[in-house]
Structures are given as C-alpha cells and as structure tokens.
Amino acid sequence: MKVLACFRSTPEQRLQLADLIAQTGLARRTAQNALVSLTRAGLLQRLGAGPATRYQLIF
C-alpha cells in the first residue's frame, strides 16, 4: 500500500526503486517484491532495465 501511495500522489511520475525506498522507509527487498506484485497485477508499468529501471502507474 505504501508503494502504491507514492504513485497515486503524482501518477505521471516515473520512480526508481531507490526513490520508493526513500519515500516509504521499506526494506529494499520488500519494495522490490511490492513492485513485482503491482506490475504483475497490471497497476504499474516497468520502463527500462538494470539500474535505469523506472516504474509508472498505468492509467
């Protein structure tokens, strides 16, 4: 829920894993798992690969 809330405040924003960790205070692995789950559920779109990977809310 914390990860999704970061995207809902500014839906057009593209966030990296490090941004989400800083905003939510979650552990790295917890944030990664949340991103994978939200992407599989069709709520987030993954853009890029490796260190340049960003996530954006699908609307």
N, C-alpha and C. Protein backbone atom coordinates (compact mmCIF):
# COMPACT_ATOMS: atom_id res chain seq x y z
N MET A 1 0.82 -1.19 0.00
CA MET A 1 0.00 0.00 0.00
C MET A 1 0.87 1.27 0.00
N LYS A 2 1.98 1.23 0.73
CA LYS A 2 2.85 2.40 0.78
C LYS A 2 3.44 2.70 -0.59
N VAL A 3 3.82 1.64 -1.31
CA VAL A 3 4.42 1.83 -2.63
C VAL A 3 3.40 2.41 -3.58
N LEU A 4 2.21 1.88 -3.59
CA LEU A 4 1.15 2.37 -4.47
C LEU A 4 0.79 3.82 -4.13
N ALA A 5 0.82 4.17 -2.87
CA ALA A 5 0.51 5.54 -2.46
C ALA A 5 1.53 6.54 -3.03
N CYS A 6 2.77 6.14 -3.18
CA CYS A 6 3.78 7.02 -3.77
C CYS A 6 3.42 7.39 -5.20
N PHE A 7 2.85 6.44 -5.93
CA PHE A 7 2.47 6.69 -7.31
C PHE A 7 1.17 7.47 -7.42
N ARG A 8 0.27 7.26 -6.49
CA ARG A 8 -1.03 7.93 -6.56
C ARG A 8 -0.94 9.43 -6.31
N SER A 9 0.05 9.86 -5.57
CA SER A 9 0.19 11.29 -5.30
C SER A 9 0.56 12.06 -6.57
N THR A 10 1.38 11.46 -7.43
CA THR A 10 1.75 12.05 -8.73
C THR A 10 1.79 10.93 -9.76
N PRO A 11 0.65 10.60 -10.37
CA PRO A 11 0.56 9.44 -11.25
C PRO A 11 1.44 9.49 -12.50
N GLU A 12 1.78 10.67 -12.99
CA GLU A 12 2.59 10.75 -14.20
C GLU A 12 4.08 10.57 -13.92
N GLN A 13 4.46 10.54 -12.66
CA GLN A 13 5.86 10.43 -12.26
C GLN A 13 6.39 9.01 -12.47
N ARG A 14 7.64 8.92 -12.89
CA ARG A 14 8.34 7.64 -13.02
C ARG A 14 9.33 7.53 -11.88
N LEU A 15 9.21 6.47 -11.09
CA LEU A 15 10.04 6.32 -9.90
C LEU A 15 10.97 5.13 -10.00
N GLN A 16 12.14 5.25 -9.43
CA GLN A 16 13.09 4.16 -9.32
C GLN A 16 12.92 3.49 -7.96
N LEU A 17 13.49 2.32 -7.83
CA LEU A 17 13.43 1.59 -6.57
C LEU A 17 13.99 2.43 -5.43
N ALA A 18 15.10 3.10 -5.65
CA ALA A 18 15.72 3.92 -4.60
C ALA A 18 14.78 5.05 -4.16
N ASP A 19 14.03 5.63 -5.09
CA ASP A 19 13.07 6.68 -4.74
C ASP A 19 11.99 6.14 -3.81
N LEU A 20 11.50 4.95 -4.13
CA LEU A 20 10.45 4.34 -3.32
C LEU A 20 10.94 3.99 -1.92
N ILE A 21 12.15 3.49 -1.85
CA ILE A 21 12.73 3.15 -0.54
C ILE A 21 12.85 4.41 0.31
N ALA A 22 13.30 5.50 -0.29
CA ALA A 22 13.45 6.75 0.45
C ALA A 22 12.11 7.31 0.92
N GLN A 23 11.09 7.19 0.08
CA GLN A 23 9.78 7.75 0.43
C GLN A 23 9.01 6.90 1.42
N THR A 24 9.17 5.57 1.36
CA THR A 24 8.37 4.68 2.19
C THR A 24 9.10 4.19 3.44
N GLY A 25 10.42 4.11 3.38
CA GLY A 25 11.18 3.56 4.50
C GLY A 25 11.16 2.05 4.55
N LEU A 26 10.68 1.43 3.48
CA LEU A 26 10.63 -0.04 3.41
C LEU A 26 12.03 -0.61 3.15
N ALA A 27 12.21 -1.87 3.51
CA ALA A 27 13.45 -2.57 3.17
C ALA A 27 13.51 -2.75 1.65
N ARG A 28 14.71 -2.82 1.12
CA ARG A 28 14.90 -2.93 -0.33
C ARG A 28 14.14 -4.13 -0.91
N ARG A 29 14.28 -5.28 -0.30
CA ARG A 29 13.64 -6.49 -0.81
C ARG A 29 12.11 -6.38 -0.74
N THR A 30 11.59 -5.77 0.30
CA THR A 30 10.15 -5.59 0.45
C THR A 30 9.62 -4.68 -0.67
N ALA A 31 10.34 -3.61 -0.95
CA ALA A 31 9.94 -2.70 -2.03
C ALA A 31 10.01 -3.39 -3.38
N GLN A 32 11.05 -4.21 -3.59
CA GLN A 32 11.16 -4.96 -4.85
C GLN A 32 9.99 -5.91 -5.02
N ASN A 33 9.65 -6.62 -3.98
CA ASN A 33 8.52 -7.56 -4.05
C ASN A 33 7.22 -6.83 -4.34
N ALA A 34 7.03 -5.68 -3.74
CA ALA A 34 5.82 -4.89 -3.98
C ALA A 34 5.76 -4.44 -5.44
N LEU A 35 6.88 -4.00 -5.99
CA LEU A 35 6.92 -3.57 -7.39
C LEU A 35 6.60 -4.72 -8.33
N VAL A 36 7.14 -5.89 -8.07
CA VAL A 36 6.86 -7.06 -8.90
C VAL A 36 5.37 -7.41 -8.83
N SER A 37 4.82 -7.42 -7.64
CA SER A 37 3.40 -7.76 -7.47
C SER A 37 2.49 -6.75 -8.17
N LEU A 38 2.79 -5.47 -8.03
CA LEU A 38 1.97 -4.43 -8.65
C LEU A 38 2.11 -4.44 -10.18
N THR A 39 3.28 -4.79 -10.67
CA THR A 39 3.49 -4.89 -12.11
C THR A 39 2.71 -6.08 -12.68
N ARG A 40 2.78 -7.21 -12.01
CA ARG A 40 2.03 -8.40 -12.45
C ARG A 40 0.53 -8.19 -12.39
N ALA A 41 0.07 -7.38 -11.44
CA ALA A 41 -1.36 -7.10 -11.29
C ALA A 41 -1.85 -6.09 -12.34
N GLY A 42 -0.91 -5.51 -13.09
CA GLY A 42 -1.29 -4.57 -14.14
C GLY A 42 -1.50 -3.15 -13.65
N LEU A 43 -1.02 -2.83 -12.46
CA LEU A 43 -1.17 -1.48 -11.93
C LEU A 43 0.02 -0.58 -12.26
N LEU A 44 1.19 -1.19 -12.43
CA LEU A 44 2.40 -0.45 -12.76
C LEU A 44 2.99 -0.95 -14.06
N GLN A 45 3.70 -0.06 -14.72
CA GLN A 45 4.42 -0.39 -15.95
C GLN A 45 5.91 -0.26 -15.67
N ARG A 46 6.66 -1.26 -16.10
CA ARG A 46 8.11 -1.23 -15.91
C ARG A 46 8.75 -0.65 -17.17
N LEU A 47 9.62 0.33 -16.99
CA LEU A 47 10.29 1.00 -18.09
C LEU A 47 11.79 0.88 -17.91
N GLY A 48 12.49 0.39 -18.93
CA GLY A 48 13.93 0.27 -18.86
C GLY A 48 14.37 -1.04 -18.23
N ALA A 49 15.68 -1.15 -18.03
CA ALA A 49 16.26 -2.35 -17.45
C ALA A 49 17.50 -1.98 -16.63
N GLY A 50 17.85 -2.86 -15.73
CA GLY A 50 19.04 -2.64 -14.90
C GLY A 50 18.90 -1.43 -13.99
N PRO A 51 19.99 -0.71 -13.79
CA PRO A 51 19.96 0.43 -12.89
C PRO A 51 19.06 1.58 -13.37
N ALA A 52 18.72 1.59 -14.64
CA ALA A 52 17.88 2.66 -15.20
C ALA A 52 16.38 2.32 -15.15
N THR A 53 16.02 1.23 -14.50
CA THR A 53 14.62 0.81 -14.45
C THR A 53 13.79 1.80 -13.65
N ARG A 54 12.67 2.17 -14.23
CA ARG A 54 11.71 3.06 -13.58
C ARG A 54 10.33 2.43 -13.67
N TYR A 55 9.45 2.83 -12.79
CA TYR A 55 8.09 2.31 -12.75
C TYR A 55 7.13 3.47 -12.82
N GLN A 56 6.01 3.25 -13.54
CA GLN A 56 5.00 4.27 -13.70
C GLN A 56 3.62 3.66 -13.53
N LEU A 57 2.72 4.40 -12.92
CA LEU A 57 1.34 3.97 -12.72
C LEU A 57 0.65 3.92 -14.06
N ILE A 58 -0.10 2.85 -14.31
CA ILE A 58 -0.87 2.72 -15.54
C ILE A 58 -2.24 3.31 -15.28
N PHE A 59 -2.63 4.26 -16.13
CA PHE A 59 -3.96 4.87 -16.00
C PHE A 59 -4.54 5.15 -17.35
